[in-house]
Amino acid sequence: MKDFHELDCYKNSKKLYPVIVKVAKIYPREGYQLGDQTRRAANSIHACIAEGFGRSVAEFKNYLTRALGSNNEVISHIEDAEAVGYIKPETAKALIEKYTIVGKQVYRLREKWH
């Protein structure tokens, strides 16, 4: 593998980022902080993958661990947004399903990277 752009977890998290930005725009004013945290965490997933790629195996795995943490943070924020009525349950469910897949991809990559 020559480039982080080839990694499925990178491609999928990068594709989901604009979706999160769009969804967070509909939050009311009092939800700005939650939207901002969600956007930052979503951006962090693919940014950590890109930043860590090409470093030592141990360093890259550390960056993948951070990406997985950010992925879990996004899921938590989506759950919070649904709980307070900022997003519809079906929107939350679809996003959580997609981020769960990304999380599994990051986890598997971290476990298999050598």
PDB file of N, CA and C in Angstrom:
ATOM      1  N   MET A   1       0.842  -1.176   0.000  1.00  0.00           N
ATOM      2  CA  MET A   1       0.000   0.000   0.000  1.00  0.00           C
ATOM      3  C   MET A   1       0.886   1.237   0.000  1.00  0.00           C
ATOM      4  N   LYS A   2       0.669   2.096  -0.959  1.00  0.00           N
ATOM      5  CA  LYS A   2       1.544   3.249  -1.131  1.00  0.00           C
ATOM      6  C   LYS A   2       1.028   4.522  -0.468  1.00  0.00           C
ATOM      7  N   ASP A   3      -0.293   4.596  -0.257  1.00  0.00           N
ATOM      8  CA  ASP A   3      -0.881   5.869   0.109  1.00  0.00           C
ATOM      9  C   ASP A   3      -2.083   5.655   1.024  1.00  0.00           C
ATOM     10  N   PHE A   4      -2.249   6.536   2.001  1.00  0.00           N
ATOM     11  CA  PHE A   4      -3.383   6.426   2.921  1.00  0.00           C
ATOM     12  C   PHE A   4      -4.730   6.575   2.219  1.00  0.00           C
ATOM     13  N   HIS A   5      -4.731   7.199   1.041  1.00  0.00           N
ATOM     14  CA  HIS A   5      -5.982   7.346   0.283  1.00  0.00           C
ATOM     15  C   HIS A   5      -6.567   5.997  -0.133  1.00  0.00           C
ATOM     16  N   GLU A   6      -5.744   4.960  -0.132  1.00  0.00           N
ATOM     17  CA  GLU A   6      -6.192   3.622  -0.515  1.00  0.00           C
ATOM     18  C   GLU A   6      -6.920   2.890   0.610  1.00  0.00           C
ATOM     19  N   LEU A   7      -6.820   3.377   1.826  1.00  0.00           N
ATOM     20  CA  LEU A   7      -7.421   2.710   2.981  1.00  0.00           C
ATOM     21  C   LEU A   7      -8.933   2.950   3.016  1.00  0.00           C
ATOM     22  N   ASP A   8      -9.698   1.878   3.145  1.00  0.00           N
ATOM     23  CA  ASP A   8     -11.165   2.002   3.178  1.00  0.00           C
ATOM     24  C   ASP A   8     -11.642   2.856   4.339  1.00  0.00           C
ATOM     25  N   CYS A   9     -11.019   2.698   5.496  1.00  0.00           N
ATOM     26  CA  CYS A   9     -11.453   3.492   6.650  1.00  0.00           C
ATOM     27  C   CYS A   9     -11.213   4.985   6.407  1.00  0.00           C
ATOM     28  N   TYR A  10     -10.134   5.312   5.716  1.00  0.00           N
ATOM     29  CA  TYR A  10      -9.875   6.715   5.375  1.00  0.00           C
ATOM     30  C   TYR A  10     -10.940   7.219   4.396  1.00  0.00           C
ATOM     31  N   LYS A  11     -11.154   6.463   3.327  1.00  0.00           N
ATOM     32  CA  LYS A  11     -12.116   6.879   2.298  1.00  0.00           C
ATOM     33  C   LYS A  11     -13.520   7.042   2.882  1.00  0.00           C
ATOM     34  N   ASN A  12     -13.936   6.090   3.711  1.00  0.00           N
ATOM     35  CA  ASN A  12     -15.293   6.140   4.252  1.00  0.00           C
ATOM     36  C   ASN A  12     -15.473   7.268   5.261  1.00  0.00           C
ATOM     37  N   SER A  13     -14.490   7.497   6.112  1.00  0.00           N
ATOM     38  CA  SER A  13     -14.627   8.591   7.078  1.00  0.00           C
ATOM     39  C   SER A  13     -14.558   9.942   6.382  1.00  0.00           C
ATOM     40  N   LYS A  14     -13.739  10.026   5.341  1.00  0.00           N
ATOM     41  CA  LYS A  14     -13.642  11.274   4.564  1.00  0.00           C
ATOM     42  C   LYS A  14     -14.973  11.573   3.865  1.00  0.00           C
ATOM     43  N   LYS A  15     -15.628  10.517   3.376  1.00  0.00           N
ATOM     44  CA  LYS A  15     -16.917  10.669   2.707  1.00  0.00           C
ATOM     45  C   LYS A  15     -18.021  11.095   3.681  1.00  0.00           C
ATOM     46  N   LEU A  16     -17.932  10.631   4.912  1.00  0.00           N
ATOM     47  CA  LEU A  16     -18.952  10.950   5.913  1.00  0.00           C
ATOM     48  C   LEU A  16     -18.804  12.357   6.489  1.00  0.00           C
ATOM     49  N   TYR A  17     -17.613  12.924   6.429  1.00  0.00           N
ATOM     50  CA  TYR A  17     -17.390  14.235   7.031  1.00  0.00           C
ATOM     51  C   TYR A  17     -18.342  15.315   6.511  1.00  0.00           C
ATOM     52  N   PRO A  18     -18.521  15.475   5.195  1.00  0.00           N
ATOM     53  CA  PRO A  18     -19.462  16.504   4.728  1.00  0.00           C
ATOM     54  C   PRO A  18     -20.904  16.240   5.183  1.00  0.00           C
ATOM     55  N   VAL A  19     -21.240  14.989   5.376  1.00  0.00           N
ATOM     56  CA  VAL A  19     -22.585  14.647   5.863  1.00  0.00           C
ATOM     57  C   VAL A  19     -22.758  15.175   7.285  1.00  0.00           C
ATOM     58  N   ILE A  20     -21.748  14.970   8.117  1.00  0.00           N
ATOM     59  CA  ILE A  20     -21.798  15.467   9.496  1.00  0.00           C
ATOM     60  C   ILE A  20     -21.874  16.987   9.526  1.00  0.00           C
ATOM     61  N   VAL A  21     -21.106  17.639   8.670  1.00  0.00           N
ATOM     62  CA  VAL A  21     -21.134  19.102   8.612  1.00  0.00           C
ATOM     63  C   VAL A  21     -22.543  19.575   8.256  1.00  0.00           C
ATOM     64  N   LYS A  22     -23.152  18.939   7.278  1.00  0.00           N
ATOM     65  CA  LYS A  22     -24.502  19.310   6.851  1.00  0.00           C
ATOM     66  C   LYS A  22     -25.525  19.065   7.961  1.00  0.00           C
ATOM     67  N   VAL A  23     -25.445  17.932   8.607  1.00  0.00           N
ATOM     68  CA  VAL A  23     -26.390  17.601   9.678  1.00  0.00           C
ATOM     69  C   VAL A  23     -26.238  18.574  10.844  1.00  0.00           C
ATOM     70  N   ALA A  24     -24.997  18.863  11.227  1.00  0.00           N
ATOM     71  CA  ALA A  24     -24.763  19.746  12.376  1.00  0.00           C
ATOM     72  C   ALA A  24     -25.230  21.179  12.114  1.00  0.00           C
ATOM     73  N   LYS A  25     -25.352  21.570  10.853  1.00  0.00           N
ATOM     74  CA  LYS A  25     -25.836  22.914  10.523  1.00  0.00           C
ATOM     75  C   LYS A  25     -27.295  23.130  10.929  1.00  0.00           C
ATOM     76  N   ILE A  26     -28.046  22.042  11.048  1.00  0.00           N
ATOM     77  CA  ILE A  26     -29.463  22.199  11.403  1.00  0.00           C
ATOM     78  C   ILE A  26     -29.688  22.261  12.915  1.00  0.00           C
ATOM     79  N   TYR A  27     -28.638  22.057  13.709  1.00  0.00           N
ATOM     80  CA  TYR A  27     -28.789  22.146  15.159  1.00  0.00           C
ATOM     81  C   TYR A  27     -29.183  23.574  15.528  1.00  0.00           C
ATOM     82  N   PRO A  28     -30.011  23.728  16.554  1.00  0.00           N
ATOM     83  CA  PRO A  28     -30.354  25.088  16.993  1.00  0.00           C
ATOM     84  C   PRO A  28     -29.140  25.779  17.622  1.00  0.00           C
ATOM     85  N   ARG A  29     -29.291  27.055  17.855  1.00  0.00           N
ATOM     86  CA  ARG A  29     -28.187  27.851  18.395  1.00  0.00           C
ATOM     87  C   ARG A  29     -27.598  27.224  19.662  1.00  0.00           C
ATOM     88  N   GLU A  30     -28.456  26.750  20.552  1.00  0.00           N
ATOM     89  CA  GLU A  30     -27.950  26.174  21.803  1.00  0.00           C
ATOM     90  C   GLU A  30     -27.205  24.850  21.577  1.00  0.00           C
ATOM     91  N   GLY A  31     -27.321  24.288  20.389  1.00  0.00           N
ATOM     92  CA  GLY A  31     -26.611  23.062  20.055  1.00  0.00           C
ATOM     93  C   GLY A  31     -25.319  23.294  19.306  1.00  0.00           C
ATOM     94  N   TYR A  32     -24.890  24.551  19.216  1.00  0.00           N
ATOM     95  CA  TYR A  32     -23.687  24.863  18.450  1.00  0.00           C
ATOM     96  C   TYR A  32     -22.475  24.081  18.965  1.00  0.00           C
ATOM     97  N   GLN A  33     -22.295  24.047  20.285  1.00  0.00           N
ATOM     98  CA  GLN A  33     -21.113  23.385  20.843  1.00  0.00           C
ATOM     99  C   GLN A  33     -21.119  21.895  20.509  1.00  0.00           C
ATOM    100  N   LEU A  34     -22.265  21.249  20.613  1.00  0.00           N
ATOM    101  CA  LEU A  34     -22.345  19.833  20.272  1.00  0.00           C
ATOM    102  C   LEU A  34     -22.037  19.621  18.790  1.00  0.00           C
ATOM    103  N   GLY A  35     -22.563  20.480  17.934  1.00  0.00           N
ATOM    104  CA  GLY A  35     -22.282  20.391  16.504  1.00  0.00           C
ATOM    105  C   GLY A  35     -20.807  20.582  16.207  1.00  0.00           C
ATOM    106  N   ASP A  36     -20.198  21.549  16.886  1.00  0.00           N
ATOM    107  CA  ASP A  36     -18.777  21.816  16.682  1.00  0.00           C
ATOM    108  C   ASP A  36     -17.930  20.631  17.130  1.00  0.00           C
ATOM    109  N   GLN A  37     -18.249  20.061  18.278  1.00  0.00           N
ATOM    110  CA  GLN A  37     -17.503  18.897  18.766  1.00  0.00           C
ATOM    111  C   GLN A  37     -17.665  17.712  17.817  1.00  0.00           C
ATOM    112  N   THR A  38     -18.869  17.553  17.285  1.00  0.00           N
ATOM    113  CA  THR A  38     -19.122  16.448  16.360  1.00  0.00           C
ATOM    114  C   THR A  38     -18.316  16.626  15.081  1.00  0.00           C
ATOM    115  N   ARG A  39     -18.320  17.839  14.538  1.00  0.00           N
ATOM    116  CA  ARG A  39     -17.539  18.122  13.327  1.00  0.00           C
ATOM    117  C   ARG A  39     -16.054  17.883  13.556  1.00  0.00           C
ATOM    118  N   ARG A  40     -15.544  18.341  14.676  1.00  0.00           N
ATOM    119  CA  ARG A  40     -14.116  18.181  14.968  1.00  0.00           C
ATOM    120  C   ARG A  40     -13.736  16.712  15.110  1.00  0.00           C
ATOM    121  N   ALA A  41     -14.577  15.952  15.803  1.00  0.00           N
ATOM    122  CA  ALA A  41     -14.293  14.522  15.985  1.00  0.00           C
ATOM    123  C   ALA A  41     -14.355  13.795  14.643  1.00  0.00           C
ATOM    124  N   ALA A  42     -15.353  14.142  13.822  1.00  0.00           N
ATOM    125  CA  ALA A  42     -15.487  13.504  12.506  1.00  0.00           C
ATOM    126  C   ALA A  42     -14.277  13.821  11.625  1.00  0.00           C
ATOM    127  N   ASN A  43     -13.790  15.045  11.686  1.00  0.00           N
ATOM    128  CA  ASN A  43     -12.610  15.430  10.916  1.00  0.00           C
ATOM    129  C   ASN A  43     -11.358  14.727  11.425  1.00  0.00           C
ATOM    130  N   SER A  44     -11.308  14.502  12.717  1.00  0.00           N
ATOM    131  CA  SER A  44     -10.141  13.886  13.337  1.00  0.00           C
ATOM    132  C   SER A  44      -9.913  12.450  12.878  1.00  0.00           C
ATOM    133  N   ILE A  45     -10.976  11.738  12.526  1.00  0.00           N
ATOM    134  CA  ILE A  45     -10.830  10.328  12.139  1.00  0.00           C
ATOM    135  C   ILE A  45      -9.891  10.197  10.939  1.00  0.00           C
ATOM    136  N   HIS A  46     -10.271  10.814   9.828  1.00  0.00           N
ATOM    137  CA  HIS A  46      -9.429  10.668   8.635  1.00  0.00           C
ATOM    138  C   HIS A  46      -8.120  11.448   8.760  1.00  0.00           C
ATOM    139  N   ALA A  47      -8.117  12.523   9.539  1.00  0.00           N
ATOM    140  CA  ALA A  47      -6.877  13.279   9.731  1.00  0.00           C
ATOM    141  C   ALA A  47      -5.841  12.443  10.480  1.00  0.00           C
ATOM    142  N   CYS A  48      -6.261  11.703  11.499  1.00  0.00           N
ATOM    143  CA  CYS A  48      -5.331  10.841  12.244  1.00  0.00           C
ATOM    144  C   CYS A  48      -4.789   9.723  11.361  1.00  0.00           C
ATOM    145  N   ILE A  49      -5.655   9.155  10.540  1.00  0.00           N
ATOM    146  CA  ILE A  49      -5.208   8.090   9.634  1.00  0.00           C
ATOM    147  C   ILE A  49      -4.151   8.633   8.674  1.00  0.00           C
ATOM    148  N   ALA A  50      -4.419   9.797   8.108  1.00  0.00           N
ATOM    149  CA  ALA A  50      -3.478  10.400   7.165  1.00  0.00           C
ATOM    150  C   ALA A  50      -2.172  10.792   7.853  1.00  0.00           C
ATOM    151  N   GLU A  51      -2.275  11.376   9.042  1.00  0.00           N
ATOM    152  CA  GLU A  51      -1.071  11.836   9.737  1.00  0.00           C
ATOM    153  C   GLU A  51      -0.180  10.676  10.166  1.00  0.00           C
ATOM    154  N   GLY A  52      -0.787   9.581  10.575  1.00  0.00           N
ATOM    155  CA  GLY A  52      -0.005   8.460  11.063  1.00  0.00           C
ATOM    156  C   GLY A  52       0.570   7.568   9.990  1.00  0.00           C
ATOM    157  N   PHE A  53      -0.046   7.609   8.795  1.00  0.00           N
ATOM    158  CA  PHE A  53       0.406   6.731   7.714  1.00  0.00           C
ATOM    159  C   PHE A  53       1.844   7.063   7.338  1.00  0.00           C
ATOM    160  N   GLY A  54       2.649   6.042   7.154  1.00  0.00           N
ATOM    161  CA  GLY A  54       4.036   6.262   6.763  1.00  0.00           C
ATOM    162  C   GLY A  54       4.993   6.395   7.930  1.00  0.00           C
ATOM    163  N   ARG A  55       4.446   6.446   9.130  1.00  0.00           N
ATOM    164  CA  ARG A  55       5.311   6.464  10.312  1.00  0.00           C
ATOM    165  C   ARG A  55       5.627   5.023  10.687  1.00  0.00           C
ATOM    166  N   SER A  56       6.277   4.848  11.786  1.00  0.00           N
ATOM    167  CA  SER A  56       6.591   3.491  12.230  1.00  0.00           C
ATOM    168  C   SER A  56       5.295   2.737  12.512  1.00  0.00           C
ATOM    169  N   VAL A  57       5.382   1.422  12.573  1.00  0.00           N
ATOM    170  CA  VAL A  57       4.203   0.595  12.842  1.00  0.00           C
ATOM    171  C   VAL A  57       3.568   0.999  14.170  1.00  0.00           C
ATOM    172  N   ALA A  58       4.383   1.146  15.189  1.00  0.00           N
ATOM    173  CA  ALA A  58       3.865   1.501  16.518  1.00  0.00           C
ATOM    174  C   ALA A  58       3.188   2.874  16.494  1.00  0.00           C
ATOM    175  N   GLU A  59       3.804   3.835  15.826  1.00  0.00           N
ATOM    176  CA  GLU A  59       3.213   5.176  15.754  1.00  0.00           C
ATOM    177  C   GLU A  59       1.899   5.150  14.975  1.00  0.00           C
ATOM    178  N   PHE A  60       1.878   4.448  13.858  1.00  0.00           N
ATOM    179  CA  PHE A  60       0.661   4.391  13.060  1.00  0.00           C
ATOM    180  C   PHE A  60      -0.469   3.746  13.865  1.00  0.00           C
ATOM    181  N   LYS A  61      -0.156   2.689  14.596  1.00  0.00           N
ATOM    182  CA  LYS A  61      -1.183   2.052  15.423  1.00  0.00           C
ATOM    183  C   LYS A  61      -1.703   3.016  16.485  1.00  0.00           C
ATOM    184  N   ASN A  62      -0.824   3.853  17.001  1.00  0.00           N
ATOM    185  CA  ASN A  62      -1.245   4.861  17.975  1.00  0.00           C
ATOM    186  C   ASN A  62      -2.211   5.862  17.322  1.00  0.00           C
ATOM    187  N   TYR A  63      -1.901   6.289  16.118  1.00  0.00           N
ATOM    188  CA  TYR A  63      -2.798   7.200  15.400  1.00  0.00           C
ATOM    189  C   TYR A  63      -4.129   6.521  15.079  1.00  0.00           C
ATOM    190  N   LEU A  64      -4.086   5.237  14.769  1.00  0.00           N
ATOM    191  CA  LEU A  64      -5.325   4.501  14.510  1.00  0.00           C
ATOM    192  C   LEU A  64      -6.159   4.388  15.784  1.00  0.00           C
ATOM    193  N   THR A  65      -5.498   4.260  16.919  1.00  0.00           N
ATOM    194  CA  THR A  65      -6.206   4.241  18.196  1.00  0.00           C
ATOM    195  C   THR A  65      -6.906   5.577  18.432  1.00  0.00           C
ATOM    196  N   ARG A  66      -6.237   6.653  18.106  1.00  0.00           N
ATOM    197  CA  ARG A  66      -6.853   7.989  18.225  1.00  0.00           C
ATOM    198  C   ARG A  66      -8.034   8.125  17.264  1.00  0.00           C
ATOM    199  N   ALA A  67      -7.864   7.618  16.044  1.00  0.00           N
ATOM    200  CA  ALA A  67      -8.954   7.674  15.060  1.00  0.00           C
ATOM    201  C   ALA A  67     -10.161   6.894  15.561  1.00  0.00           C
ATOM    202  N   LEU A  68      -9.916   5.751  16.163  1.00  0.00           N
ATOM    203  CA  LEU A  68     -11.003   4.947  16.709  1.00  0.00           C
ATOM    204  C   LEU A  68     -11.693   5.683  17.853  1.00  0.00           C
ATOM    205  N   GLY A  69     -10.926   6.347  18.683  1.00  0.00           N
ATOM    206  CA  GLY A  69     -11.509   7.151  19.761  1.00  0.00           C
ATOM    207  C   GLY A  69     -12.372   8.277  19.217  1.00  0.00           C
ATOM    208  N   SER A  70     -11.909   8.943  18.185  1.00  0.00           N
ATOM    209  CA  SER A  70     -12.693  10.012  17.560  1.00  0.00           C
ATOM    210  C   SER A  70     -13.958   9.456  16.932  1.00  0.00           C
ATOM    211  N   ASN A  71     -13.847   8.291  16.337  1.00  0.00           N
ATOM    212  CA  ASN A  71     -15.013   7.641  15.734  1.00  0.00           C
ATOM    213  C   ASN A  71     -16.068   7.356  16.808  1.00  0.00           C
ATOM    214  N   ASN A  72     -15.630   6.823  17.946  1.00  0.00           N
ATOM    215  CA  ASN A  72     -16.559   6.550  19.038  1.00  0.00           C
ATOM    216  C   ASN A  72     -17.167   7.836  19.584  1.00  0.00           C
ATOM    217  N   GLU A  73     -16.376   8.899  19.603  1.00  0.00           N
ATOM    218  CA  GLU A  73     -16.872  10.200  20.050  1.00  0.00           C
ATOM    219  C   GLU A  73     -17.983  10.698  19.121  1.00  0.00           C
ATOM    220  N   VAL A  74     -17.801  10.537  17.817  1.00  0.00           N
ATOM    221  CA  VAL A  74     -18.841  10.947  16.863  1.00  0.00           C
ATOM    222  C   VAL A  74     -20.139  10.191  17.145  1.00  0.00           C
ATOM    223  N   ILE A  75     -20.031   8.895  17.350  1.00  0.00           N
ATOM    224  CA  ILE A  75     -21.229   8.100  17.631  1.00  0.00           C
ATOM    225  C   ILE A  75     -21.920   8.609  18.888  1.00  0.00           C
ATOM    226  N   SER A  76     -21.152   8.879  19.917  1.00  0.00           N
ATOM    227  CA  SER A  76     -21.714   9.398  21.170  1.00  0.00           C
ATOM    228  C   SER A  76     -22.421  10.742  20.958  1.00  0.00           C
ATOM    229  N   HIS A  77     -21.798  11.626  20.180  1.00  0.00           N
ATOM    230  CA  HIS A  77     -22.400  12.940  19.912  1.00  0.00           C
ATOM    231  C   HIS A  77     -23.682  12.801  19.097  1.00  0.00           C
ATOM    232  N   ILE A  78     -23.699  11.875  18.159  1.00  0.00           N
ATOM    233  CA  ILE A  78     -24.916  11.645  17.373  1.00  0.00           C
ATOM    234  C   ILE A  78     -26.038  11.164  18.291  1.00  0.00           C
ATOM    235  N   GLU A  79     -25.704  10.259  19.192  1.00  0.00           N
ATOM    236  CA  GLU A  79     -26.701   9.782  20.159  1.00  0.00           C
ATOM    237  C   GLU A  79     -27.232  10.937  21.004  1.00  0.00           C
ATOM    238  N   ASP A  80     -26.337  11.819  21.426  1.00  0.00           N
ATOM    239  CA  ASP A  80     -26.754  12.991  22.211  1.00  0.00           C
ATOM    240  C   ASP A  80     -27.661  13.915  21.404  1.00  0.00           C
ATOM    241  N   ALA A  81     -27.298  14.148  20.150  1.00  0.00           N
ATOM    242  CA  ALA A  81     -28.101  15.020  19.288  1.00  0.00           C
ATOM    243  C   ALA A  81     -29.504  14.443  19.089  1.00  0.00           C
ATOM    244  N   GLU A  82     -29.582  13.150  18.954  1.00  0.00           N
ATOM    245  CA  GLU A  82     -30.894  12.509  18.832  1.00  0.00           C
ATOM    246  C   GLU A  82     -31.672  12.634  20.143  1.00  0.00           C
ATOM    247  N   ALA A  83     -31.001  12.410  21.260  1.00  0.00           N
ATOM    248  CA  ALA A  83     -31.661  12.427  22.571  1.00  0.00           C
ATOM    249  C   ALA A  83     -32.302  13.779  22.892  1.00  0.00           C
ATOM    250  N   VAL A  84     -31.676  14.850  22.420  1.00  0.00           N
ATOM    251  CA  VAL A  84     -32.225  16.181  22.706  1.00  0.00           C
ATOM    252  C   VAL A  84     -33.074  16.724  21.554  1.00  0.00           C
ATOM    253  N   GLY A  85     -33.269  15.908  20.518  1.00  0.00           N
ATOM    254  CA  GLY A  85     -34.170  16.283  19.437  1.00  0.00           C
ATOM    255  C   GLY A  85     -33.579  17.126  18.332  1.00  0.00           C
ATOM    256  N   TYR A  86     -32.258  17.191  18.244  1.00  0.00           N
ATOM    257  CA  TYR A  86     -31.626  17.965  17.169  1.00  0.00           C
ATOM    258  C   TYR A  86     -31.691  17.240  15.827  1.00  0.00           C
ATOM    259  N   ILE A  87     -31.668  15.913  15.877  1.00  0.00           N
ATOM    260  CA  ILE A  87     -31.776  15.122  14.653  1.00  0.00           C
ATOM    261  C   ILE A  87     -32.817  14.023  14.848  1.00  0.00           C
ATOM    262  N   LYS A  88     -33.378  13.599  13.736  1.00  0.00           N
ATOM    263  CA  LYS A  88     -34.402  12.561  13.762  1.00  0.00           C
ATOM    264  C   LYS A  88     -33.767  11.204  14.064  1.00  0.00           C
ATOM    265  N   PRO A  89     -34.542  10.310  14.691  1.00  0.00           N
ATOM    266  CA  PRO A  89     -34.018   8.977  15.004  1.00  0.00           C
ATOM    267  C   PRO A  89     -33.496   8.226  13.777  1.00  0.00           C
ATOM    268  N   GLU A  90     -34.166   8.353  12.650  1.00  0.00           N
ATOM    269  CA  GLU A  90     -33.713   7.633  11.459  1.00  0.00           C
ATOM    270  C   GLU A  90     -32.389   8.183  10.928  1.00  0.00           C
ATOM    271  N   THR A  91     -32.174   9.484  11.078  1.00  0.00           N
ATOM    272  CA  THR A  91     -30.902  10.092  10.684  1.00  0.00           C
ATOM    273  C   THR A  91     -29.789   9.601  11.602  1.00  0.00           C
ATOM    274  N   ALA A  92     -30.079   9.610  12.901  1.00  0.00           N
ATOM    275  CA  ALA A  92     -29.096   9.141  13.877  1.00  0.00           C
ATOM    276  C   ALA A  92     -28.745   7.679  13.620  1.00  0.00           C
ATOM    277  N   LYS A  93     -29.745   6.859  13.390  1.00  0.00           N
ATOM    278  CA  LYS A  93     -29.512   5.429  13.171  1.00  0.00           C
ATOM    279  C   LYS A  93     -28.629   5.204  11.953  1.00  0.00           C
ATOM    280  N   ALA A  94     -28.928   5.897  10.853  1.00  0.00           N
ATOM    281  CA  ALA A  94     -28.142   5.734   9.622  1.00  0.00           C
ATOM    282  C   ALA A  94     -26.690   6.161   9.834  1.00  0.00           C
ATOM    283  N   LEU A  95     -26.497   7.286  10.507  1.00  0.00           N
ATOM    284  CA  LEU A  95     -25.132   7.763  10.754  1.00  0.00           C
ATOM    285  C   LEU A  95     -24.372   6.824  11.689  1.00  0.00           C
ATOM    286  N   ILE A  96     -25.040   6.363  12.730  1.00  0.00           N
ATOM    287  CA  ILE A  96     -24.388   5.454  13.671  1.00  0.00           C
ATOM    288  C   ILE A  96     -23.984   4.163  12.970  1.00  0.00           C
ATOM    289  N   GLU A  97     -24.841   3.655  12.113  1.00  0.00           N
ATOM    290  CA  GLU A  97     -24.500   2.444  11.357  1.00  0.00           C
ATOM    291  C   GLU A  97     -23.253   2.655  10.502  1.00  0.00           C
ATOM    292  N   LYS A  98     -23.183   3.808   9.831  1.00  0.00           N
ATOM    293  CA  LYS A  98     -22.034   4.085   8.970  1.00  0.00           C
ATOM    294  C   LYS A  98     -20.754   4.277   9.777  1.00  0.00           C
ATOM    295  N   TYR A  99     -20.857   4.977  10.912  1.00  0.00           N
ATOM    296  CA  TYR A  99     -19.668   5.177  11.738  1.00  0.00           C
ATOM    297  C   TYR A  99     -19.257   3.895  12.465  1.00  0.00           C
ATOM    298  N   THR A 100     -20.203   3.015  12.718  1.00  0.00           N
ATOM    299  CA  THR A 100     -19.863   1.712  13.301  1.00  0.00           C
ATOM    300  C   THR A 100     -19.021   0.914  12.320  1.00  0.00           C
ATOM    301  N   ILE A 101     -19.363   0.991  11.048  1.00  0.00           N
ATOM    302  CA  ILE A 101     -18.573   0.313  10.012  1.00  0.00           C
ATOM    303  C   ILE A 101     -17.167   0.903   9.956  1.00  0.00           C
ATOM    304  N   VAL A 102     -17.062   2.214   9.967  1.00  0.00           N
ATOM    305  CA  VAL A 102     -15.739   2.857   9.952  1.00  0.00           C
ATOM    306  C   VAL A 102     -14.926   2.417  11.168  1.00  0.00           C
ATOM    307  N   GLY A 103     -15.561   2.386  12.326  1.00  0.00           N
ATOM    308  CA  GLY A 103     -14.870   1.967  13.536  1.00  0.00           C
ATOM    309  C   GLY A 103     -14.326   0.550  13.423  1.00  0.00           C
ATOM    310  N   LYS A 104     -15.115  -0.342  12.850  1.00  0.00           N
ATOM    311  CA  LYS A 104     -14.652  -1.718  12.648  1.00  0.00           C
ATOM    312  C   LYS A 104     -13.492  -1.768  11.665  1.00  0.00           C
ATOM    313  N   GLN A 105     -13.555  -0.938  10.638  1.00  0.00           N
ATOM    314  CA  GLN A 105     -12.464  -0.902   9.659  1.00  0.00           C
ATOM    315  C   GLN A 105     -11.169  -0.403  10.295  1.00  0.00           C
ATOM    316  N   VAL A 106     -11.274   0.641  11.106  1.00  0.00           N
ATOM    317  CA  VAL A 106     -10.091   1.177  11.781  1.00  0.00           C
ATOM    318  C   VAL A 106      -9.535   0.127  12.738  1.00  0.00           C
ATOM    319  N   TYR A 107     -10.409  -0.513  13.497  1.00  0.00           N
ATOM    320  CA  TYR A 107      -9.982  -1.522  14.453  1.00  0.00           C
ATOM    321  C   TYR A 107      -9.255  -2.675  13.754  1.00  0.00           C
ATOM    322  N   ARG A 108      -9.854  -3.176  12.682  1.00  0.00           N
ATOM    323  CA  ARG A 108      -9.233  -4.291  11.942  1.00  0.00           C
ATOM    324  C   ARG A 108      -7.878  -3.881  11.359  1.00  0.00           C
ATOM    325  N   LEU A 109      -7.800  -2.672  10.823  1.00  0.00           N
ATOM    326  CA  LEU A 109      -6.532  -2.195  10.272  1.00  0.00           C
ATOM    327  C   LEU A 109      -5.476  -2.127  11.364  1.00  0.00           C
ATOM    328  N   ARG A 110      -5.852  -1.616  12.512  1.00  0.00           N
ATOM    329  CA  ARG A 110      -4.905  -1.506  13.630  1.00  0.00           C
ATOM    330  C   ARG A 110      -4.410  -2.889  14.068  1.00  0.00           C
ATOM    331  N   GLU A 111      -5.315  -3.850  14.091  1.00  0.00           N
ATOM    332  CA  GLU A 111      -4.951  -5.206  14.518  1.00  0.00           C
ATOM    333  C   GLU A 111      -4.058  -5.918  13.499  1.00  0.00           C
ATOM    334  N   LYS A 112      -4.246  -5.628  12.222  1.00  0.00           N
ATOM    335  CA  LYS A 112      -3.529  -6.362  11.173  1.00  0.00           C
ATOM    336  C   LYS A 112      -2.293  -5.639  10.636  1.00  0.00           C
ATOM    337  N   TRP A 113      -2.136  -4.357  10.957  1.00  0.00           N
ATOM    338  CA  TRP A 113      -1.022  -3.587  10.404  1.00  0.00           C
ATOM    339  C   TRP A 113       0.297  -4.108  10.959  1.00  0.00           C
ATOM    340  N   HIS A 114       1.246  -4.299  10.073  1.00  0.00           N
ATOM    341  CA  HIS A 114       2.558  -4.795  10.506  1.00  0.00           C
ATOM    342  C   HIS A 114       3.683  -4.104   9.765  1.00  0.00           C
TER     343      HIS A 114
END
